Amino acid sequence: MTATRQGDAVLAGVKAFCIKDFRLESGVVMPAVTIAYRTLGALATNRDNAVLITHGNTSGPQMIDPDGSTGEGSWKDLVGPGKPVDTNRFFVICPNMLGSSYGSTNAASIDPATGRPYGPRFPDITVSDIVATQRALLGHFGIDRLVAIVGPSYGGFQAFQWAVNYPGMMKGIAAVVTSPVVPRERSAGNIERLLTTLSKDPNWNGGDYYDRGGVFETMIQIRSATLKTYGIEARLRSTMPDAEQIEAAIRDEAARWARGFDANSLIILARALRGFDVTPRFGDIKAKVLYVLSRTDRLFPPELAPGVMQALQNAGVEADYFLLDSEYGHSASGIDAPKWAPRLRLFMEQLSQSQG
């Protein structure tokens, strides 16, 4: 068991894989890229039992840990021994995204060309670049075929991208609280809001804040707003009737996250979504698709489902839809895991029995 260091925190059980001379879609070659990853279960001798779990925008590979706290409500109830993604049967790999903040190469990493953090000079990446690093990681394990790719939110973007970029490499994908397209105006708006908020921090310095003490308070502000969008208030009201208590709990959770997540990672991952749209390539998909949305999700509302499902059907993709009936919005996939765990378990069982 190894550990990866992120800031002052050591992420137990997280390992690292290095890729030399990694070429991005833009043509830029990064001399060395490190991808942090977490594994659970054992890889079969014939390497046919691997499942890739792709994490969300602000989470990381520890979302699958038994004591995991990151992720859309954490997926510790969905991945593990006897759980829907059963680690008694499956070898589970959860890689940290390129550009993210839990051990993979990101803006806080040292640029070999300058000996200083990349900062705002980190090269532009795409979702295809992110999944290409994961493809290289699988190659390291000798895995050329996956049972499934399963992921929430940004992890769902990755699952869809995998399905069109490497259509023969998986039996199925489960894309959860997500969409196969991010409208350009939405991605542009997200980037603009982040930069506007961060630029107000006296330490921002155009993203070169690493020797200025960071932008901790602003990151707490950003995270608090995000958690409210995700539906945290509905979760806390069940145990905290007092509004001040709820605000304090939200700040506490936001602060824990802000200590380990780099502000530039938010910008990098937001920019990676510019132009993200795999719908024109649905015809390339060979995998079975399980699409899951949450009834109260403000980011990816259930109204998306008819259009996505019709487009998949028109492309000849075998796809099913499940509506997660939850009050917990975007966090429902983890917090209300029991409400959709049976559907995920059935999906995994069907893929295991499939010869496709």
Protein backbone atom coordinates (compact mmCIF):
# COMPACT_ATOMS: atom_id res chain seq x y z
CA MET A 1 0.00 0.00 0.00
CA THR A 2 1.42 3.38 -0.96
CA ALA A 3 0.44 6.95 -0.25
CA THR A 4 0.29 10.05 -2.42
CA ARG A 5 0.94 13.49 -0.92
CA GLN A 6 -1.39 16.37 -1.80
CA GLY A 7 -0.47 19.60 -0.06
CA ASP A 8 0.00 18.69 3.58
CA ALA A 9 -2.31 15.68 3.38
CA VAL A 10 -1.27 12.11 2.71
CA LEU A 11 -3.90 10.13 0.86
CA ALA A 12 -3.60 6.60 2.21
CA GLY A 13 -3.94 3.82 -0.33
CA VAL A 14 -3.57 6.12 -3.32
CA LYS A 15 -0.85 5.06 -5.75
CA ALA A 16 0.80 6.89 -8.64
CA PHE A 17 1.47 6.06 -12.29
CA CYS A 18 3.80 8.15 -14.46
CA ILE A 19 3.43 8.72 -18.19
CA LYS A 20 6.41 10.12 -20.09
CA ASP A 21 5.99 12.55 -22.99
CA PHE A 22 2.21 12.65 -22.87
CA ARG A 23 0.79 14.34 -25.98
CA LEU A 24 -2.38 16.36 -25.47
CA GLU A 25 -5.08 16.82 -28.10
CA SER A 26 -3.71 20.33 -28.61
CA GLY A 27 -0.36 18.88 -29.68
CA VAL A 28 1.41 20.05 -26.53
CA VAL A 29 3.67 17.36 -25.07
CA MET A 30 3.92 17.22 -21.28
CA PRO A 31 7.33 15.72 -20.34
CA ALA A 32 5.87 13.76 -17.43
CA VAL A 33 2.33 13.24 -16.18
CA THR A 34 1.49 11.54 -12.90
CA ILE A 35 -1.92 9.96 -12.44
CA ALA A 36 -2.94 9.06 -8.89
CA TYR A 37 -5.33 6.16 -8.50
CA ARG A 38 -7.04 3.96 -5.93
CA THR A 39 -7.78 0.26 -6.38
CA LEU A 40 -10.04 -2.16 -4.54
CA GLY A 41 -10.39 -5.90 -5.10
CA ALA A 42 -8.08 -8.19 -7.05
CA LEU A 43 -7.37 -8.32 -10.77
CA ALA A 44 -8.29 -11.70 -12.26
CA THR A 45 -5.57 -13.77 -13.90
CA ASN A 46 -7.08 -13.15 -17.33
CA ARG A 47 -7.67 -9.47 -16.46
CA ASP A 48 -11.36 -9.58 -17.41
CA ASN A 49 -12.94 -8.26 -14.18
CA ALA A 50 -11.87 -4.59 -14.16
CA VAL A 51 -14.28 -1.73 -13.49
CA LEU A 52 -13.29 1.91 -13.87
CA ILE A 53 -14.87 4.40 -11.47
CA THR A 54 -14.58 7.98 -12.70
CA HIS A 55 -14.96 10.68 -10.07
CA GLY A 56 -16.69 14.04 -10.08
CA ASN A 57 -15.36 17.56 -10.58
CA THR A 58 -14.37 18.30 -6.99
CA SER A 59 -13.76 14.79 -5.69
CA GLY A 60 -11.04 12.20 -6.14
CA PRO A 61 -10.10 8.53 -5.95
CA GLN A 62 -10.99 8.26 -2.28
CA MET A 63 -14.68 8.58 -3.10
CA ILE A 64 -14.70 4.75 -3.16
CA ASP A 65 -12.92 4.32 0.19
CA PRO A 66 -14.81 2.64 3.05
CA ASP A 67 -14.31 5.89 4.97
CA GLY A 68 -14.49 8.08 1.90
CA SER A 69 -15.74 11.64 2.24
CA THR A 70 -15.21 13.05 -1.25
CA GLY A 71 -17.53 12.59 -4.17
CA GLU A 72 -21.19 13.29 -4.76
CA GLY A 73 -22.14 12.17 -1.27
CA SER A 74 -19.35 9.54 -1.43
CA TRP A 75 -19.73 6.19 -3.16
CA LYS A 76 -18.63 3.97 -0.30
CA ASP A 77 -22.11 2.36 -0.24
CA LEU A 78 -21.90 1.47 -3.94
CA VAL A 79 -18.36 0.10 -4.23
CA GLY A 80 -17.02 -2.62 -1.93
CA PRO A 81 -17.46 -6.22 -0.82
CA GLY A 82 -21.02 -7.38 -1.55
CA LYS A 83 -22.03 -3.96 -2.86
CA PRO A 84 -23.38 -3.20 -6.36
CA VAL A 85 -19.85 -2.83 -7.71
CA ASP A 86 -18.74 -5.88 -5.76
CA THR A 87 -15.01 -5.90 -5.01
CA ASN A 88 -15.24 -9.59 -4.17
CA ARG A 89 -15.77 -10.04 -7.93
CA PHE A 90 -14.44 -6.92 -9.60
CA PHE A 91 -11.09 -5.15 -9.65
CA VAL A 92 -12.00 -1.49 -9.23
CA ILE A 93 -9.74 1.33 -10.37
CA CYS A 94 -10.56 4.95 -9.54
CA PRO A 95 -8.03 7.30 -11.18
CA ASN A 96 -7.64 10.94 -10.26
CA MET A 97 -8.22 13.17 -13.26
CA LEU A 98 -5.32 14.91 -14.97
CA GLY A 99 -5.46 18.51 -13.74
CA SER A 100 -7.29 17.59 -10.55
CA SER A 101 -6.04 17.96 -7.01
CA TYR A 102 -5.71 14.57 -5.35
CA GLY A 103 -2.30 13.44 -6.50
CA SER A 104 -2.36 13.80 -10.29
CA THR A 105 -0.33 16.37 -12.21
CA ASN A 106 -2.05 19.74 -11.87
CA ALA A 107 -1.30 23.45 -11.66
CA ALA A 108 0.39 23.07 -8.27
CA SER A 109 2.81 20.53 -9.75
CA ILE A 110 6.31 21.63 -10.73
CA ASP A 111 6.79 22.51 -14.38
CA PRO A 112 10.06 20.81 -15.43
CA ALA A 113 10.78 23.73 -17.77
CA THR A 114 10.78 26.35 -15.02
CA GLY A 115 11.21 24.51 -11.73
CA ARG A 116 8.16 26.36 -10.42
CA PRO A 117 4.47 25.42 -10.16
CA TYR A 118 2.64 25.43 -13.50
CA GLY A 119 0.05 27.76 -12.03
CA PRO A 120 -2.03 29.48 -14.74
CA ARG A 121 0.43 28.20 -17.38
CA PHE A 122 -0.86 24.64 -17.06
CA PRO A 123 -1.70 23.56 -20.63
CA ASP A 124 -5.29 23.42 -21.77
CA ILE A 125 -6.67 19.89 -21.61
CA THR A 126 -9.85 18.17 -22.78
CA VAL A 127 -12.00 15.36 -21.45
CA SER A 128 -10.40 13.21 -24.16
CA ASP A 129 -6.98 13.98 -22.66
CA ILE A 130 -8.23 12.94 -19.23
CA VAL A 131 -9.54 9.59 -20.48
CA ALA A 132 -6.36 9.03 -22.51
CA THR A 133 -4.34 9.10 -19.28
CA GLN A 134 -6.73 6.51 -17.85
CA ARG A 135 -6.29 4.38 -20.96
CA ALA A 136 -2.53 4.48 -20.39
CA LEU A 137 -3.05 3.46 -16.75
CA LEU A 138 -5.11 0.45 -17.84
CA GLY A 139 -2.33 -0.47 -20.23
CA HIS A 140 0.05 -0.48 -17.27
CA PHE A 141 -2.15 -3.20 -15.72
CA GLY A 142 -2.41 -5.11 -18.99
CA ILE A 143 -6.17 -4.45 -19.12
CA ASP A 144 -7.61 -4.14 -22.61
CA ARG A 145 -11.28 -4.67 -21.77
CA LEU A 146 -13.44 -3.34 -18.95
CA VAL A 147 -16.64 -4.74 -17.52
CA ALA A 148 -17.91 -1.20 -16.97
CA ILE A 149 -17.15 2.46 -16.48
CA VAL A 150 -19.28 4.01 -13.76
CA GLY A 151 -19.19 7.63 -12.68
CA PRO A 152 -21.20 10.58 -11.38
CA SER A 153 -21.26 14.16 -12.68
CA TYR A 154 -17.88 14.93 -14.30
CA GLY A 155 -17.28 11.19 -13.99
CA GLY A 156 -20.29 10.72 -16.26
CA PHE A 157 -18.72 13.05 -18.83
CA GLN A 158 -15.68 10.77 -18.75
CA ALA A 159 -17.82 7.64 -19.08
CA PHE A 160 -19.52 9.02 -22.19
CA GLN A 161 -16.17 10.14 -23.62
CA TRP A 162 -14.73 6.67 -23.02
CA ALA A 163 -17.68 5.09 -24.83
CA VAL A 164 -17.07 7.09 -28.02
CA ASN A 165 -13.25 7.23 -27.94
CA TYR A 166 -12.65 3.56 -27.11
CA PRO A 167 -15.93 1.85 -28.04
CA GLY A 168 -14.57 -1.69 -27.95
CA MET A 169 -13.03 -1.42 -24.50
CA MET A 170 -16.06 -1.77 -22.21
CA LYS A 171 -19.25 -3.80 -21.98
CA GLY A 172 -21.20 -0.97 -20.41
CA ILE A 173 -21.19 2.50 -18.90
CA ALA A 174 -23.30 3.89 -16.08
CA ALA A 175 -23.42 7.68 -16.43
CA VAL A 176 -24.95 9.19 -13.31
CA VAL A 177 -26.24 12.73 -12.55
CA THR A 178 -24.59 13.97 -15.73
CA SER A 179 -25.06 14.70 -19.43
CA PRO A 180 -23.36 13.83 -22.73
CA VAL A 181 -23.09 17.53 -23.59
CA VAL A 182 -22.25 20.76 -21.78
CA PRO A 183 -23.68 23.77 -23.67
CA ARG A 184 -20.95 26.26 -24.59
CA GLU A 185 -22.71 29.10 -22.81
CA ARG A 186 -22.84 27.04 -19.63
CA SER A 187 -19.14 26.13 -19.68
CA ALA A 188 -18.18 29.72 -20.55
CA GLY A 189 -20.35 31.01 -17.73
CA ASN A 190 -18.80 28.63 -15.22
CA ILE A 191 -15.29 29.74 -16.17
CA GLU A 192 -16.22 33.42 -16.01
CA ARG A 193 -17.85 33.05 -12.57
CA LEU A 194 -14.84 31.19 -11.17
CA LEU A 195 -12.34 33.73 -12.48
CA THR A 196 -14.44 36.68 -11.30
CA THR A 197 -14.68 35.25 -7.78
CA LEU A 198 -11.05 34.16 -7.52
CA SER A 199 -9.67 37.40 -8.94
CA LYS A 200 -11.19 39.29 -6.00
CA ASP A 201 -8.92 37.42 -3.59
CA PRO A 202 -5.90 39.61 -2.71
CA ASN A 203 -3.61 36.60 -3.06
CA TRP A 204 -4.86 35.51 -6.50
CA ASN A 205 -2.11 37.18 -8.57
CA GLY A 206 -3.50 35.85 -11.83
CA GLY A 207 -3.32 32.29 -10.51
CA ASP A 208 0.27 32.55 -9.21
CA TYR A 209 -0.68 32.40 -5.55
CA TYR A 210 1.53 29.53 -4.37
CA ASP A 211 4.02 31.74 -2.52
CA ARG A 212 1.33 34.12 -1.27
CA GLY A 213 -0.49 31.87 1.16
CA GLY A 214 -3.14 30.57 -1.24
CA VAL A 215 -6.79 31.60 -1.66
CA PHE A 216 -8.28 29.54 1.16
CA GLU A 217 -11.16 31.81 2.19
CA THR A 218 -12.29 32.29 -1.40
CA MET A 219 -12.22 28.53 -1.95
CA ILE A 220 -14.45 28.09 1.11
CA GLN A 221 -16.85 30.62 -0.41
CA ILE A 222 -16.87 28.78 -3.75
CA ARG A 223 -17.32 25.40 -2.13
CA SER A 224 -20.13 26.58 0.15
CA ALA A 225 -22.06 27.85 -2.86
CA THR A 226 -21.41 24.59 -4.71
CA LEU A 227 -22.58 22.45 -1.80
CA LYS A 228 -25.82 24.43 -1.65
CA THR A 229 -26.34 23.85 -5.37
CA TYR A 230 -25.70 20.15 -4.77
CA GLY A 231 -28.48 20.06 -2.17
CA ILE A 232 -26.59 19.98 1.14
CA GLU A 233 -29.21 22.04 2.97
CA ALA A 234 -31.88 19.38 2.41
CA ARG A 235 -29.53 16.79 3.92
CA LEU A 236 -28.60 18.88 6.97
CA ARG A 237 -32.16 19.95 7.79
CA SER A 238 -32.98 16.41 8.86
CA THR A 239 -30.58 16.71 11.81
CA MET A 240 -30.09 20.48 12.20
CA PRO A 241 -33.25 22.56 12.39
CA ASP A 242 -31.31 25.71 13.25
CA ALA A 243 -30.24 27.84 10.25
CA GLU A 244 -27.03 29.02 11.93
CA GLN A 245 -26.03 25.43 12.67
CA ILE A 246 -26.59 24.53 9.04
CA GLU A 247 -24.44 27.43 7.81
CA ALA A 248 -21.67 26.48 10.24
CA ALA A 249 -21.77 22.85 9.11
CA ILE A 250 -21.61 23.89 5.45
CA ARG A 251 -18.61 26.12 6.14
CA ASP A 252 -16.89 23.32 8.04
CA GLU A 253 -17.37 20.86 5.18
CA ALA A 254 -16.28 23.49 2.65
CA ALA A 255 -13.13 24.26 4.66
CA ARG A 256 -12.11 20.59 4.80
CA TRP A 257 -12.36 20.43 1.02
CA ALA A 258 -10.60 23.77 0.47
CA ARG A 259 -7.53 22.58 2.38
CA GLY A 260 -6.87 19.87 -0.21
CA PHE A 261 -8.16 21.27 -3.50
CA ASP A 262 -6.20 23.68 -5.66
CA ALA A 263 -8.09 26.66 -7.07
CA ASN A 264 -6.41 26.37 -10.46
CA SER A 265 -7.78 22.82 -10.76
CA LEU A 266 -11.27 24.28 -10.83
CA ILE A 267 -10.25 26.45 -13.78
CA ILE A 268 -8.42 23.63 -15.60
CA LEU A 269 -11.35 21.22 -15.35
CA ALA A 270 -13.91 23.89 -16.25
CA ARG A 271 -11.93 24.79 -19.38
CA ALA A 272 -11.67 21.11 -20.33
CA LEU A 273 -15.45 21.13 -20.82
CA ARG A 274 -15.42 23.82 -23.50
CA GLY A 275 -16.97 22.18 -26.53
CA PHE A 276 -17.75 18.94 -24.69
CA ASP A 277 -20.44 17.18 -26.72
CA VAL A 278 -20.33 13.48 -27.56
CA THR A 279 -23.89 13.30 -28.92
CA PRO A 280 -22.79 13.48 -32.60
CA ARG A 281 -20.74 10.34 -31.93
CA PHE A 282 -23.45 8.25 -30.27
CA GLY A 283 -23.34 5.96 -33.29
CA ASP A 284 -19.83 4.89 -32.24
CA ILE A 285 -21.03 3.54 -28.89
CA LYS A 286 -21.02 -0.25 -28.61
CA ALA A 287 -21.46 -0.44 -24.85
CA LYS A 288 -24.74 -0.81 -23.00
CA VAL A 289 -25.70 2.42 -21.26
CA LEU A 290 -27.39 3.01 -17.92
CA TYR A 291 -28.34 6.68 -17.53
CA VAL A 292 -29.30 7.84 -14.04
CA LEU A 293 -30.60 11.25 -12.99
CA SER A 294 -31.81 12.63 -9.66
CA ARG A 295 -35.32 14.06 -9.41
CA THR A 296 -34.16 17.18 -7.56
CA ASP A 297 -30.80 17.78 -9.27
CA ARG A 298 -30.51 21.42 -10.32
CA LEU A 299 -27.37 20.81 -12.41
CA PHE A 300 -28.68 17.88 -14.47
CA PRO A 301 -32.48 17.86 -14.11
CA PRO A 302 -34.64 14.91 -15.21
CA GLU A 303 -35.88 16.98 -18.16
CA LEU A 304 -32.63 16.01 -19.89
CA ALA A 305 -33.56 12.34 -20.02
CA PRO A 306 -36.05 12.19 -22.93
CA GLY A 307 -33.67 13.91 -25.34
CA VAL A 308 -30.64 11.86 -24.32
CA MET A 309 -32.50 8.57 -24.39
CA GLN A 310 -34.11 9.30 -27.76
CA ALA A 311 -30.72 10.23 -29.25
CA LEU A 312 -29.17 7.01 -27.92
CA GLN A 313 -32.07 4.97 -29.28
CA ASN A 314 -31.81 6.68 -32.68
CA ALA A 315 -28.12 5.75 -32.75
CA GLY A 316 -28.92 2.10 -32.04
CA VAL A 317 -27.44 2.12 -28.54
CA GLU A 318 -28.89 -0.29 -25.98
CA ALA A 319 -29.74 2.09 -23.14
CA ASP A 320 -31.87 2.21 -19.99
CA TYR A 321 -32.87 5.15 -17.82
CA PHE A 322 -33.40 5.25 -14.07
CA LEU A 323 -34.82 8.21 -12.14
CA LEU A 324 -33.44 8.43 -8.61
CA ASP A 325 -36.30 9.69 -6.45
CA SER A 326 -34.36 11.74 -3.92
CA GLU A 327 -34.55 15.05 -2.11
CA TYR A 328 -30.76 15.36 -2.13
CA GLY A 329 -30.21 16.87 -5.55
CA HIS A 330 -26.83 16.39 -7.16
CA SER A 331 -25.49 14.52 -4.12
CA ALA A 332 -28.21 11.88 -4.31
CA SER A 333 -26.14 9.18 -6.01
CA GLY A 334 -24.08 8.72 -2.85
CA ILE A 335 -26.31 9.93 -0.04
CA ASP A 336 -29.36 8.05 -1.33
CA ALA A 337 -27.35 5.13 -2.70
CA PRO A 338 -29.86 2.49 -1.49
CA LYS A 339 -32.51 3.97 -3.79
CA TRP A 340 -30.62 3.11 -6.95
CA ALA A 341 -28.13 0.47 -5.76
CA PRO A 342 -30.44 -2.40 -6.87
CA ARG A 343 -30.54 -0.97 -10.40
CA LEU A 344 -26.76 -0.63 -10.53
CA ARG A 345 -26.35 -4.15 -9.14
CA LEU A 346 -28.64 -5.52 -11.86
CA PHE A 347 -26.71 -3.62 -14.52
CA MET A 348 -23.39 -5.02 -13.30
CA GLU A 349 -24.87 -8.52 -13.18
CA GLN A 350 -26.14 -8.23 -16.74
CA LEU A 351 -22.74 -7.03 -17.95
CA SER A 352 -20.98 -9.88 -16.15
CA GLN A 353 -23.20 -12.42 -17.90
CA SER A 354 -22.91 -10.72 -21.27
CA GLN A 355 -20.55 -12.09 -23.89
CA GLY A 356 -20.48 -8.76 -25.70
